[in-house]
Protein backbone atom coordinates (compact mmCIF):
# COMPACT_ATOMS: atom_id res chain seq x y z
CA MET A 1 9.13 2.86 10.73
CA ARG A 2 10.09 -0.33 9.40
CA ILE A 3 10.44 -0.97 5.92
CA LYS A 4 11.40 -3.79 3.96
CA VAL A 5 12.16 -5.03 0.43
CA LEU A 6 12.54 -8.60 0.35
CA LYS A 7 15.65 -9.79 -1.20
CA ASN A 8 15.54 -10.84 -4.67
CA SER A 9 12.70 -8.67 -5.35
CA GLY A 10 14.40 -6.51 -7.90
CA THR A 11 17.67 -4.52 -8.60
CA ALA A 12 19.66 -2.77 -5.73
CA ARG A 13 18.59 1.03 -7.22
CA ASP A 14 14.80 -0.48 -7.56
CA VAL A 15 14.53 -1.62 -4.31
CA SER A 16 16.27 1.50 -2.85
CA LEU A 17 13.19 3.92 -4.21
CA LEU A 18 10.75 1.71 -3.85
CA LYS A 19 12.43 2.18 0.54
CA LYS A 20 12.43 5.81 -0.42
CA ALA A 21 8.96 5.85 -1.81
CA ALA A 22 7.31 4.47 1.21
CA LYS A 23 8.68 6.41 3.53
CA TYR A 24 7.51 9.56 1.36
CA MET A 25 4.00 7.36 1.82
CA ILE A 26 3.90 6.76 4.43
CA GLU A 27 4.52 10.17 6.30
CA ARG A 28 1.65 12.08 3.96
CA LEU A 29 -0.29 9.41 5.52
CA LEU A 30 0.35 9.16 8.82
CA SER A 31 1.24 10.70 11.45
CA PRO A 32 4.30 10.31 13.48
CA SER A 33 3.46 8.01 16.09
CA GLN A 34 1.86 5.80 13.57
CA ALA A 35 4.65 5.69 11.22
CA ALA A 36 7.15 4.64 13.96
CA ASN A 37 4.78 2.12 15.04
CA ILE A 38 3.89 -0.33 11.85
CA SER A 39 6.32 -2.60 10.04
CA LEU A 40 6.05 -2.20 6.56
CA ASN A 41 7.59 -5.69 3.56
CA ILE A 42 7.16 -4.97 0.11
CA SER A 43 8.06 -8.21 -2.35
CA ILE A 44 7.79 -7.75 -5.79
CA THR A 45 6.52 -10.39 -7.50
CA ASN A 46 4.34 -12.61 -9.79
CA LEU A 47 0.55 -11.53 -9.08
CA ASN A 48 -1.53 -13.47 -11.71
CA GLY A 49 -2.44 -9.93 -13.85
CA ARG A 50 -3.15 -7.77 -10.48
CA PHE A 51 -0.47 -5.12 -10.57
CA GLY A 52 -0.64 -5.21 -6.11
CA GLU A 53 -1.69 -6.83 -2.55
CA ALA A 54 -1.75 -5.71 0.77
CA VAL A 55 -2.14 -8.17 3.20
CA ILE A 56 -3.56 -6.10 6.04
CA ASN A 57 -4.74 -8.64 8.82
CA ASP A 58 -1.83 -7.50 11.36
CA PRO A 59 -1.81 -3.81 13.03
CA VAL A 60 1.65 -3.56 12.67
CA LEU A 61 3.24 -5.43 10.33
CA PHE A 62 1.84 -5.17 6.93
CA LYS A 63 3.00 -6.20 4.17
CA VAL A 64 2.75 -5.01 0.28
CA ARG A 65 3.43 -7.44 -2.83
CA LEU A 66 3.93 -5.74 -6.04
CA TYR A 67 3.60 -6.93 -9.71
CA ARG A 68 7.03 -7.71 -11.12
CA ASP A 69 6.05 -6.84 -14.89
CA ALA A 70 4.04 -3.61 -14.06
CA CYS A 71 6.97 -0.30 -15.20
CA LEU A 72 8.16 1.02 -12.54
CA PRO A 73 5.99 4.10 -12.47
CA MET A 74 2.81 2.05 -12.10
CA MET A 75 4.19 0.45 -9.64
CA LEU A 76 4.77 3.62 -7.34
CA VAL A 77 0.95 4.25 -8.15
CA THR A 78 0.02 1.20 -7.16
CA LEU A 79 2.32 1.48 -3.63
CA ALA A 80 0.59 4.78 -3.40
CA HIS A 81 -2.72 2.21 -3.77
CA GLU A 82 -1.73 -0.32 -1.03
CA LEU A 83 0.36 2.30 1.31
CA VAL A 84 -3.63 3.88 0.75
CA HIS A 85 -5.34 0.64 2.35
CA VAL A 86 -1.82 0.69 5.10
CA SER A 87 -3.45 3.84 6.54
CA GLN A 88 -6.99 3.18 6.56
CA VAL A 89 -6.33 0.24 8.71
CA VAL A 90 -3.78 2.22 10.81
CA ASN A 91 -6.60 5.27 11.57
CA GLY A 92 -9.04 2.48 11.94
CA ASN A 93 -11.81 2.56 8.81
CA LEU A 94 -10.24 -0.38 7.24
CA LYS A 95 -11.15 -3.16 9.54
CA VAL A 96 -10.94 -7.40 8.41
CA SER A 97 -11.48 -9.69 10.89
CA GLN A 98 -11.38 -13.66 10.87
CA ILE A 99 -14.51 -15.41 11.45
CA ASN A 100 -13.35 -19.56 11.11
CA ASP A 101 -12.29 -19.51 7.80
CA LEU A 102 -13.73 -17.03 5.85
CA THR A 103 -12.39 -12.85 6.07
CA GLU A 104 -15.09 -10.03 6.52
CA TRP A 105 -14.34 -6.79 5.61
CA PHE A 106 -15.44 -3.37 7.38
CA TRP A 107 -15.87 -0.16 6.56
CA LYS A 108 -16.40 2.83 9.01
CA GLY A 109 -17.93 0.26 11.14
CA LYS A 110 -20.42 -1.73 8.26
CA SER A 111 -19.61 -4.77 6.86
CA TYR A 112 -19.32 -5.13 3.61
CA GLY A 113 -19.26 -9.60 4.16
CA THR A 114 -16.50 -12.12 3.93
CA ASP A 115 -16.49 -11.41 -0.08
CA PRO A 116 -16.20 -7.31 -1.28
CA TYR A 117 -14.72 -7.34 -4.49
CA GLU A 118 -17.25 -9.89 -6.13
CA ASN A 119 -20.35 -8.21 -5.55
CA TRP A 120 -18.83 -4.51 -4.38
CA ALA A 121 -16.32 -3.92 -7.63
CA GLY A 122 -15.28 -0.64 -7.87
CA LYS A 123 -17.58 0.70 -5.03
CA LEU A 124 -15.79 -0.80 -2.95
CA PRO A 125 -15.03 2.69 -0.31
CA TRP A 126 -11.99 1.60 0.71
CA GLU A 127 -10.49 1.21 -2.70
CA VAL A 128 -12.58 4.08 -4.43
CA GLU A 129 -10.47 6.24 -1.22
CA ALA A 130 -6.30 4.66 -2.35
CA SER A 131 -7.41 5.11 -6.54
CA LYS A 132 -8.21 9.22 -5.71
CA ARG A 133 -4.93 9.26 -3.57
CA GLU A 134 -2.61 7.00 -5.90
CA VAL A 135 -1.67 9.15 -8.40
CA SER A 136 -1.19 12.33 -6.88
CA LEU A 137 1.09 10.56 -4.16
CA ALA A 138 3.15 8.70 -6.36
CA PHE A 139 3.76 11.59 -8.62
CA ASP A 140 4.41 13.65 -5.42
CA PHE A 141 7.36 11.35 -4.32
CA LEU A 142 8.57 11.07 -8.07
CA GLN A 143 8.25 14.86 -8.30
CA GLU A 144 10.25 16.12 -5.03
CA HIS A 145 12.62 12.90 -5.75
CA VAL A 146 14.11 14.37 -8.87
CA THR A 147 13.85 18.04 -7.33
CA LEU A 148 16.36 15.94 -5.16
CA LEU A 149 18.25 14.91 -7.75
CA ASN A 150 18.86 18.09 -9.50
CA GLY A 151 20.37 19.37 -6.43
CA GLY A 152 16.69 21.27 -5.24
């Protein structure tokens, strides 16, 4: 597993924490052999009001963008959400397929069309799953991280 937080993406402390969080979360979402084969680039940037997004059209190199003005806890929850999407792709549940200039979205083999966010807002199964898992994944990381900081 290769995790890179792109330069100029926050303070050194933020970069270190995001790397640790991403590693922790990936290890809980993927098998060791799956995790070993992926690369993850994380950037902190302006997303015009969205908290995050994952670029998941490559089965090995994933890109996660996080909203730079989010507080750190929200950034961790967003990272968890986006990494659930990465795991969905790696596990074969979520697939995006290029058709000329359009991207078709599939969940467990069922097509959700080329613009699923317009027609299915709030009901997309991959988003429902990510939303259900994001807070507990971020909380579990923080709990373990704080325990380690306290010498536990």
